[in-house]
N, C-alpha and C. Protein backbone atom coordinates (compact mmCIF):
# COMPACT_ATOMS: atom_id res chain seq x y z
N MET A 1 95.85 135.61 -25.36
CA MET A 1 96.87 134.77 -25.95
C MET A 1 97.57 135.56 -27.05
N SER A 2 98.85 135.53 -27.04
CA SER A 2 99.67 136.25 -28.01
C SER A 2 99.93 135.38 -29.24
N VAL A 3 99.85 136.00 -30.40
CA VAL A 3 100.14 135.31 -31.65
C VAL A 3 101.61 135.55 -31.99
N SER A 4 102.28 134.51 -32.38
CA SER A 4 103.72 134.63 -32.66
C SER A 4 103.99 135.53 -33.86
N LEU A 5 105.18 136.08 -33.87
CA LEU A 5 105.61 136.90 -35.00
C LEU A 5 105.54 136.11 -36.30
N GLU A 6 105.96 134.85 -36.27
CA GLU A 6 105.93 134.01 -37.47
C GLU A 6 104.50 133.83 -37.98
N ALA A 7 103.55 133.64 -37.07
CA ALA A 7 102.15 133.47 -37.48
C ALA A 7 101.60 134.76 -38.07
N ARG A 8 101.95 135.89 -37.48
CA ARG A 8 101.48 137.16 -38.01
C ARG A 8 102.05 137.43 -39.40
N ILE A 9 103.33 137.14 -39.58
CA ILE A 9 103.96 137.33 -40.89
C ILE A 9 103.34 136.40 -41.93
N ALA A 10 103.08 135.15 -41.55
CA ALA A 10 102.47 134.19 -42.48
C ALA A 10 101.09 134.68 -42.91
N ARG A 11 100.32 135.24 -41.97
CA ARG A 11 98.98 135.76 -42.30
C ARG A 11 99.09 136.94 -43.26
N ILE A 12 100.00 137.85 -42.99
CA ILE A 12 100.18 139.02 -43.85
C ILE A 12 100.64 138.60 -45.24
N GLU A 13 101.55 137.65 -45.33
CA GLU A 13 102.00 137.17 -46.64
C GLU A 13 100.87 136.49 -47.39
N ALA A 14 100.04 135.73 -46.70
CA ALA A 14 98.91 135.07 -47.35
C ALA A 14 97.92 136.12 -47.86
N GLN A 15 97.62 137.13 -47.05
CA GLN A 15 96.71 138.18 -47.49
C GLN A 15 97.25 138.93 -48.70
N ALA A 16 98.55 139.18 -48.72
CA ALA A 16 99.16 139.87 -49.87
C ALA A 16 99.07 139.00 -51.12
N ALA A 17 99.32 137.70 -50.98
CA ALA A 17 99.25 136.80 -52.13
C ALA A 17 97.82 136.70 -52.65
N ILE A 18 96.85 136.69 -51.75
CA ILE A 18 95.44 136.65 -52.16
C ILE A 18 95.06 137.94 -52.87
N ALA A 19 95.52 139.07 -52.37
CA ALA A 19 95.26 140.36 -53.05
C ALA A 19 95.86 140.34 -54.45
N ASP A 20 97.07 139.82 -54.60
CA ASP A 20 97.69 139.71 -55.92
C ASP A 20 96.85 138.82 -56.84
N LEU A 21 96.31 137.74 -56.31
CA LEU A 21 95.46 136.84 -57.09
C LEU A 21 94.21 137.56 -57.58
N VAL A 22 93.52 138.25 -56.68
CA VAL A 22 92.30 138.98 -57.03
C VAL A 22 92.60 140.05 -58.09
N HIS A 23 93.67 140.79 -57.88
CA HIS A 23 94.03 141.83 -58.85
C HIS A 23 94.52 141.23 -60.16
N GLY A 24 95.16 140.08 -60.11
CA GLY A 24 95.59 139.40 -61.33
C GLY A 24 94.40 138.98 -62.19
N TYR A 25 93.33 138.53 -61.54
CA TYR A 25 92.11 138.19 -62.27
C TYR A 25 91.55 139.43 -62.96
N ALA A 26 91.47 140.54 -62.22
CA ALA A 26 90.94 141.79 -62.79
C ALA A 26 91.81 142.25 -63.96
N ARG A 27 93.11 142.13 -63.82
CA ARG A 27 94.02 142.54 -64.90
C ARG A 27 93.82 141.67 -66.13
N ALA A 28 93.65 140.36 -65.94
CA ALA A 28 93.45 139.46 -67.08
C ALA A 28 92.15 139.80 -67.81
N VAL A 29 91.08 140.12 -67.06
CA VAL A 29 89.82 140.49 -67.69
C VAL A 29 90.00 141.80 -68.47
N ARG A 30 90.62 142.79 -67.83
CA ARG A 30 90.81 144.08 -68.50
C ARG A 30 91.59 143.93 -69.79
N ARG A 31 92.62 143.09 -69.78
CA ARG A 31 93.49 142.92 -70.95
C ARG A 31 92.97 141.88 -71.93
N GLU A 32 91.83 141.26 -71.61
CA GLU A 32 91.29 140.15 -72.40
C GLU A 32 92.30 139.02 -72.52
N ALA A 33 93.10 138.82 -71.49
CA ALA A 33 94.08 137.73 -71.43
C ALA A 33 93.43 136.54 -70.72
N TYR A 34 92.32 136.08 -71.30
CA TYR A 34 91.50 135.08 -70.65
C TYR A 34 92.23 133.76 -70.42
N GLU A 35 93.19 133.44 -71.28
CA GLU A 35 93.94 132.20 -71.11
C GLU A 35 94.73 132.19 -69.81
N ASP A 36 94.99 133.35 -69.22
CA ASP A 36 95.72 133.42 -67.95
C ASP A 36 94.83 133.08 -66.76
N ILE A 37 93.54 133.13 -66.94
CA ILE A 37 92.60 132.97 -65.83
C ILE A 37 92.57 131.55 -65.28
N ALA A 38 92.67 130.54 -66.11
CA ALA A 38 92.58 129.16 -65.63
C ALA A 38 93.62 128.87 -64.55
N ASP A 39 94.82 129.42 -64.68
CA ASP A 39 95.88 129.18 -63.71
C ASP A 39 95.63 129.86 -62.37
N LEU A 40 94.65 130.74 -62.30
CA LEU A 40 94.33 131.42 -61.05
C LEU A 40 93.37 130.61 -60.18
N PHE A 41 92.81 129.55 -60.76
CA PHE A 41 91.83 128.71 -60.07
C PHE A 41 92.42 127.36 -59.71
N ALA A 42 91.90 126.78 -58.64
CA ALA A 42 92.17 125.37 -58.34
C ALA A 42 91.54 124.55 -59.47
N ALA A 43 91.98 123.32 -59.64
CA ALA A 43 91.49 122.49 -60.74
C ALA A 43 89.97 122.35 -60.72
N GLU A 44 89.37 122.27 -59.55
CA GLU A 44 87.91 122.14 -59.44
C GLU A 44 87.24 123.48 -59.14
N GLY A 45 87.94 124.57 -59.39
CA GLY A 45 87.41 125.89 -59.07
C GLY A 45 86.18 126.25 -59.88
N THR A 46 85.26 126.96 -59.26
CA THR A 46 84.00 127.34 -59.91
C THR A 46 83.87 128.87 -59.94
N PHE A 47 83.01 129.33 -60.84
CA PHE A 47 82.68 130.75 -60.94
C PHE A 47 81.19 130.86 -61.15
N GLU A 48 80.56 131.75 -60.38
CA GLU A 48 79.12 131.94 -60.50
C GLU A 48 78.82 133.43 -60.58
N LEU A 49 77.94 133.79 -61.50
CA LEU A 49 77.48 135.16 -61.66
C LEU A 49 76.03 135.22 -61.22
N ARG A 50 75.75 136.15 -60.29
CA ARG A 50 74.40 136.30 -59.75
C ARG A 50 73.90 137.72 -59.94
N SER A 51 72.59 137.87 -59.83
CA SER A 51 71.94 139.18 -59.74
C SER A 51 71.22 139.25 -58.42
N GLY A 52 71.21 140.41 -57.82
CA GLY A 52 70.50 140.58 -56.56
C GLY A 52 71.31 141.40 -55.58
N HIS A 53 71.42 140.89 -54.36
CA HIS A 53 72.22 141.53 -53.33
C HIS A 53 73.08 140.44 -52.69
N PRO A 54 74.39 140.67 -52.57
CA PRO A 54 75.28 139.61 -52.10
C PRO A 54 75.05 139.15 -50.67
N ASP A 55 74.36 139.94 -49.85
CA ASP A 55 74.15 139.58 -48.45
C ASP A 55 72.73 139.12 -48.14
N ARG A 56 71.95 138.90 -49.17
CA ARG A 56 70.57 138.45 -48.96
C ARG A 56 70.35 137.12 -49.65
N PRO A 57 69.42 136.34 -49.13
CA PRO A 57 69.19 135.03 -49.73
C PRO A 57 68.46 135.06 -51.07
N GLU A 58 67.88 136.22 -51.43
CA GLU A 58 67.17 136.32 -52.70
C GLU A 58 68.15 136.77 -53.78
N PHE A 59 68.40 135.88 -54.72
CA PHE A 59 69.26 136.21 -55.84
C PHE A 59 68.92 135.27 -56.99
N ALA A 60 69.37 135.64 -58.17
CA ALA A 60 69.18 134.80 -59.35
C ALA A 60 70.55 134.42 -59.88
N VAL A 61 70.76 133.15 -60.13
CA VAL A 61 72.00 132.70 -60.76
C VAL A 61 71.87 132.95 -62.25
N ARG A 62 72.75 133.78 -62.79
CA ARG A 62 72.73 134.09 -64.22
C ARG A 62 73.58 133.11 -65.01
N GLN A 63 74.73 132.75 -64.46
CA GLN A 63 75.62 131.79 -65.13
C GLN A 63 76.45 131.10 -64.07
N ARG A 64 76.82 129.86 -64.35
CA ARG A 64 77.70 129.10 -63.45
C ARG A 64 78.64 128.27 -64.30
N PHE A 65 79.91 128.32 -63.94
CA PHE A 65 80.95 127.56 -64.65
C PHE A 65 81.57 126.60 -63.65
N GLU A 66 81.50 125.31 -63.95
CA GLU A 66 81.95 124.27 -63.03
C GLU A 66 83.46 124.02 -63.08
N THR A 67 84.13 124.55 -64.09
CA THR A 67 85.58 124.40 -64.19
C THR A 67 86.19 125.72 -64.67
N PRO A 68 87.45 125.94 -64.35
CA PRO A 68 88.12 127.13 -64.87
C PRO A 68 88.15 127.15 -66.40
N GLN A 69 88.29 125.99 -67.00
CA GLN A 69 88.34 125.92 -68.47
C GLN A 69 87.02 126.34 -69.10
N ALA A 70 85.91 126.02 -68.46
CA ALA A 70 84.60 126.44 -68.98
C ALA A 70 84.46 127.96 -68.90
N LEU A 71 84.95 128.55 -67.82
CA LEU A 71 84.92 130.01 -67.69
C LEU A 71 85.78 130.66 -68.77
N VAL A 72 86.98 130.15 -68.96
CA VAL A 72 87.90 130.70 -69.96
C VAL A 72 87.29 130.59 -71.36
N ALA A 73 86.70 129.46 -71.68
CA ALA A 73 86.10 129.27 -73.00
C ALA A 73 84.97 130.29 -73.22
N PHE A 74 84.15 130.50 -72.20
CA PHE A 74 83.06 131.48 -72.32
C PHE A 74 83.62 132.88 -72.54
N LEU A 75 84.58 133.28 -71.73
CA LEU A 75 85.16 134.62 -71.86
C LEU A 75 85.83 134.81 -73.21
N ALA A 76 86.55 133.80 -73.67
CA ALA A 76 87.27 133.90 -74.95
C ALA A 76 86.31 134.08 -76.12
N GLU A 77 85.10 133.53 -76.03
CA GLU A 77 84.10 133.71 -77.09
C GLU A 77 83.77 135.18 -77.30
N GLY A 78 83.89 135.99 -76.24
CA GLY A 78 83.53 137.40 -76.34
C GLY A 78 84.70 138.32 -76.61
N ARG A 79 85.87 137.74 -76.87
CA ARG A 79 87.07 138.56 -77.10
C ARG A 79 86.81 139.57 -78.22
N GLY A 80 87.20 140.83 -77.97
CA GLY A 80 87.01 141.89 -78.96
C GLY A 80 85.70 142.64 -78.81
N ARG A 81 84.78 142.12 -78.01
CA ARG A 81 83.50 142.79 -77.76
C ARG A 81 83.62 143.67 -76.50
N PRO A 82 82.63 144.51 -76.26
CA PRO A 82 82.66 145.28 -75.01
C PRO A 82 82.80 144.34 -73.80
N HIS A 83 83.67 144.72 -72.88
CA HIS A 83 83.93 143.89 -71.70
C HIS A 83 84.25 144.80 -70.51
N PRO A 84 84.18 144.25 -69.30
CA PRO A 84 84.42 145.06 -68.11
C PRO A 84 85.89 145.49 -67.98
N VAL A 85 86.07 146.66 -67.39
CA VAL A 85 87.38 147.13 -66.94
C VAL A 85 87.25 147.19 -65.41
N PRO A 86 87.59 146.09 -64.72
CA PRO A 86 87.31 145.98 -63.28
C PRO A 86 88.20 146.87 -62.42
N LEU A 87 87.57 147.53 -61.46
CA LEU A 87 88.26 148.26 -60.41
C LEU A 87 87.86 147.61 -59.09
N ILE A 88 88.84 147.09 -58.37
CA ILE A 88 88.58 146.35 -57.14
C ILE A 88 88.71 147.29 -55.95
N HIS A 89 87.73 147.21 -55.04
CA HIS A 89 87.71 148.06 -53.84
C HIS A 89 87.43 147.20 -52.61
N ASN A 90 87.88 147.68 -51.47
CA ASN A 90 87.53 147.09 -50.16
C ASN A 90 87.81 145.59 -50.08
N LEU A 91 88.94 145.18 -50.59
CA LEU A 91 89.33 143.77 -50.55
C LEU A 91 89.68 143.36 -49.13
N MET A 92 89.04 142.30 -48.67
CA MET A 92 89.29 141.75 -47.34
C MET A 92 89.47 140.24 -47.49
N ALA A 93 90.42 139.69 -46.74
CA ALA A 93 90.64 138.24 -46.77
C ALA A 93 90.90 137.75 -45.35
N GLU A 94 90.22 136.67 -45.00
CA GLU A 94 90.40 136.01 -43.71
C GLU A 94 91.05 134.66 -43.97
N VAL A 95 92.26 134.50 -43.47
CA VAL A 95 93.05 133.30 -43.73
C VAL A 95 92.92 132.33 -42.57
N ASP A 96 92.77 131.05 -42.92
CA ASP A 96 92.71 129.98 -41.93
C ASP A 96 93.53 128.81 -42.46
N GLY A 97 94.82 128.81 -42.17
CA GLY A 97 95.70 127.75 -42.66
C GLY A 97 95.86 127.83 -44.16
N ASP A 98 95.49 126.74 -44.85
CA ASP A 98 95.61 126.67 -46.31
C ASP A 98 94.31 127.01 -47.03
N SER A 99 93.39 127.63 -46.33
CA SER A 99 92.15 128.10 -46.96
C SER A 99 91.88 129.52 -46.49
N ALA A 100 91.05 130.20 -47.24
CA ALA A 100 90.70 131.58 -46.89
C ALA A 100 89.37 131.93 -47.53
N ARG A 101 88.76 132.96 -46.99
CA ARG A 101 87.55 133.53 -47.55
C ARG A 101 87.79 135.01 -47.71
N GLY A 102 87.15 135.58 -48.72
CA GLY A 102 87.33 137.00 -48.94
C GLY A 102 86.17 137.61 -49.68
N ASN A 103 86.15 138.92 -49.67
CA ASN A 103 85.19 139.63 -50.50
C ASN A 103 85.80 140.94 -50.93
N ALA A 104 85.28 141.45 -52.03
CA ALA A 104 85.73 142.72 -52.59
C ALA A 104 84.61 143.31 -53.42
N MET A 105 84.55 144.61 -53.44
CA MET A 105 83.63 145.32 -54.32
C MET A 105 84.29 145.46 -55.68
N MET A 106 83.48 145.43 -56.72
CA MET A 106 84.01 145.64 -58.07
C MET A 106 83.08 146.58 -58.81
N VAL A 107 83.65 147.65 -59.30
CA VAL A 107 82.96 148.59 -60.18
C VAL A 107 83.69 148.51 -61.51
N ALA A 108 82.94 148.37 -62.59
CA ALA A 108 83.58 148.23 -63.90
C ALA A 108 82.82 149.02 -64.95
N THR A 109 83.55 149.82 -65.68
CA THR A 109 82.97 150.39 -66.89
C THR A 109 83.05 149.31 -67.95
N ILE A 110 82.17 149.37 -68.90
CA ILE A 110 82.16 148.41 -70.00
C ILE A 110 82.73 149.13 -71.22
N THR A 111 83.82 148.58 -71.76
CA THR A 111 84.51 149.24 -72.87
C THR A 111 83.54 149.51 -74.01
N GLY A 112 83.71 150.68 -74.62
CA GLY A 112 82.91 151.03 -75.79
C GLY A 112 81.47 151.38 -75.51
N THR A 113 81.10 151.48 -74.23
CA THR A 113 79.71 151.82 -73.87
C THR A 113 79.73 152.89 -72.77
N ASP A 114 78.55 153.33 -72.40
CA ASP A 114 78.44 154.24 -71.27
C ASP A 114 77.91 153.50 -70.03
N LYS A 115 78.00 152.17 -70.04
CA LYS A 115 77.48 151.34 -68.95
C LYS A 115 78.54 151.10 -67.89
N THR A 116 78.05 150.94 -66.67
CA THR A 116 78.88 150.59 -65.52
C THR A 116 78.20 149.44 -64.78
N VAL A 117 78.99 148.51 -64.28
CA VAL A 117 78.49 147.39 -63.49
C VAL A 117 79.08 147.53 -62.09
N THR A 118 78.23 147.33 -61.08
CA THR A 118 78.68 147.37 -59.69
C THR A 118 78.21 146.10 -59.01
N GLY A 119 79.10 145.50 -58.25
CA GLY A 119 78.74 144.28 -57.53
C GLY A 119 79.80 143.91 -56.52
N GLU A 120 79.65 142.71 -55.98
CA GLU A 120 80.55 142.25 -54.93
C GLU A 120 80.95 140.80 -55.17
N TYR A 121 82.23 140.54 -54.99
CA TYR A 121 82.76 139.18 -55.05
C TYR A 121 82.74 138.57 -53.65
N HIS A 122 82.35 137.33 -53.58
CA HIS A 122 82.55 136.49 -52.40
C HIS A 122 83.40 135.32 -52.88
N ASP A 123 84.59 135.22 -52.34
CA ASP A 123 85.57 134.25 -52.82
C ASP A 123 85.96 133.26 -51.74
N SER A 124 86.27 132.05 -52.20
CA SER A 124 86.92 131.03 -51.37
C SER A 124 88.26 130.74 -52.03
N PHE A 125 89.29 130.62 -51.20
CA PHE A 125 90.65 130.40 -51.71
C PHE A 125 91.22 129.14 -51.08
N VAL A 126 92.16 128.55 -51.80
CA VAL A 126 92.88 127.39 -51.29
C VAL A 126 94.35 127.55 -51.66
N ARG A 127 95.23 127.13 -50.73
CA ARG A 127 96.66 127.16 -51.03
C ARG A 127 97.08 125.75 -51.45
N GLU A 128 97.59 125.65 -52.67
CA GLU A 128 98.03 124.37 -53.23
C GLU A 128 99.49 124.49 -53.61
N ALA A 129 100.32 123.61 -53.08
CA ALA A 129 101.76 123.63 -53.36
C ALA A 129 102.35 125.03 -53.14
N GLY A 130 101.87 125.69 -52.08
CA GLY A 130 102.39 126.99 -51.72
C GLY A 130 101.81 128.17 -52.48
N GLU A 131 100.91 127.93 -53.43
CA GLU A 131 100.32 129.00 -54.24
C GLU A 131 98.83 129.14 -53.93
N TRP A 132 98.37 130.37 -53.77
CA TRP A 132 96.94 130.62 -53.54
C TRP A 132 96.18 130.60 -54.86
N ARG A 133 95.01 129.96 -54.84
CA ARG A 133 94.14 129.85 -56.01
C ARG A 133 92.69 130.09 -55.57
N PHE A 134 91.86 130.44 -56.53
CA PHE A 134 90.43 130.53 -56.26
C PHE A 134 89.86 129.12 -56.18
N ALA A 135 89.14 128.82 -55.12
CA ALA A 135 88.37 127.59 -55.05
C ALA A 135 86.97 127.85 -55.60
N ALA A 136 86.46 129.06 -55.34
CA ALA A 136 85.15 129.46 -55.85
C ALA A 136 85.08 130.98 -55.86
N ARG A 137 84.48 131.51 -56.92
CA ARG A 137 84.21 132.95 -57.01
C ARG A 137 82.72 133.11 -57.28
N ILE A 138 82.12 133.99 -56.53
CA ILE A 138 80.72 134.36 -56.77
C ILE A 138 80.72 135.87 -56.93
N TYR A 139 80.24 136.33 -58.08
CA TYR A 139 80.10 137.77 -58.29
C TYR A 139 78.62 138.08 -58.40
N THR A 140 78.16 138.93 -57.50
CA THR A 140 76.76 139.33 -57.50
C THR A 140 76.65 140.77 -58.00
N VAL A 141 75.93 140.94 -59.10
CA VAL A 141 75.67 142.26 -59.67
C VAL A 141 74.52 142.86 -58.89
N PHE A 142 74.72 144.04 -58.35
CA PHE A 142 73.67 144.69 -57.57
C PHE A 142 72.46 144.96 -58.44
N GLY A 143 71.32 144.50 -57.98
CA GLY A 143 70.05 144.80 -58.62
C GLY A 143 69.73 143.96 -59.83
N GLY A 144 70.68 143.63 -60.64
CA GLY A 144 70.35 142.80 -61.77
C GLY A 144 71.00 143.26 -63.01
């Protein structure tokens, strides 16, 4: 079965918009522009930080934020302290209508330190009023 040109273009545009969303989050973290992050999430969007391996059932939940505002408030408390400088790699997104799933690797140096964090995002996205938003983000730090 052949997919129409319009469907292929719509998928490519959705994937590009999702990539912009993921990179926009990384840019906001790098710049400590935490107030910009809430607009990247759906109203009920969640964020969870885990330790372990992203593809195995054994992991520890380190933190969970039930609303974008809770995540922003937490991040803003640390403004001016060492924070990640995220580099996003291997971003993939699978679009299904107005929802999508994706994952990306993230390696980040921590400002003012010699530490590096490596992990993987597993994301769920939703398109609301034509704009892609995070429905849920899970970042798993490899090993802990």
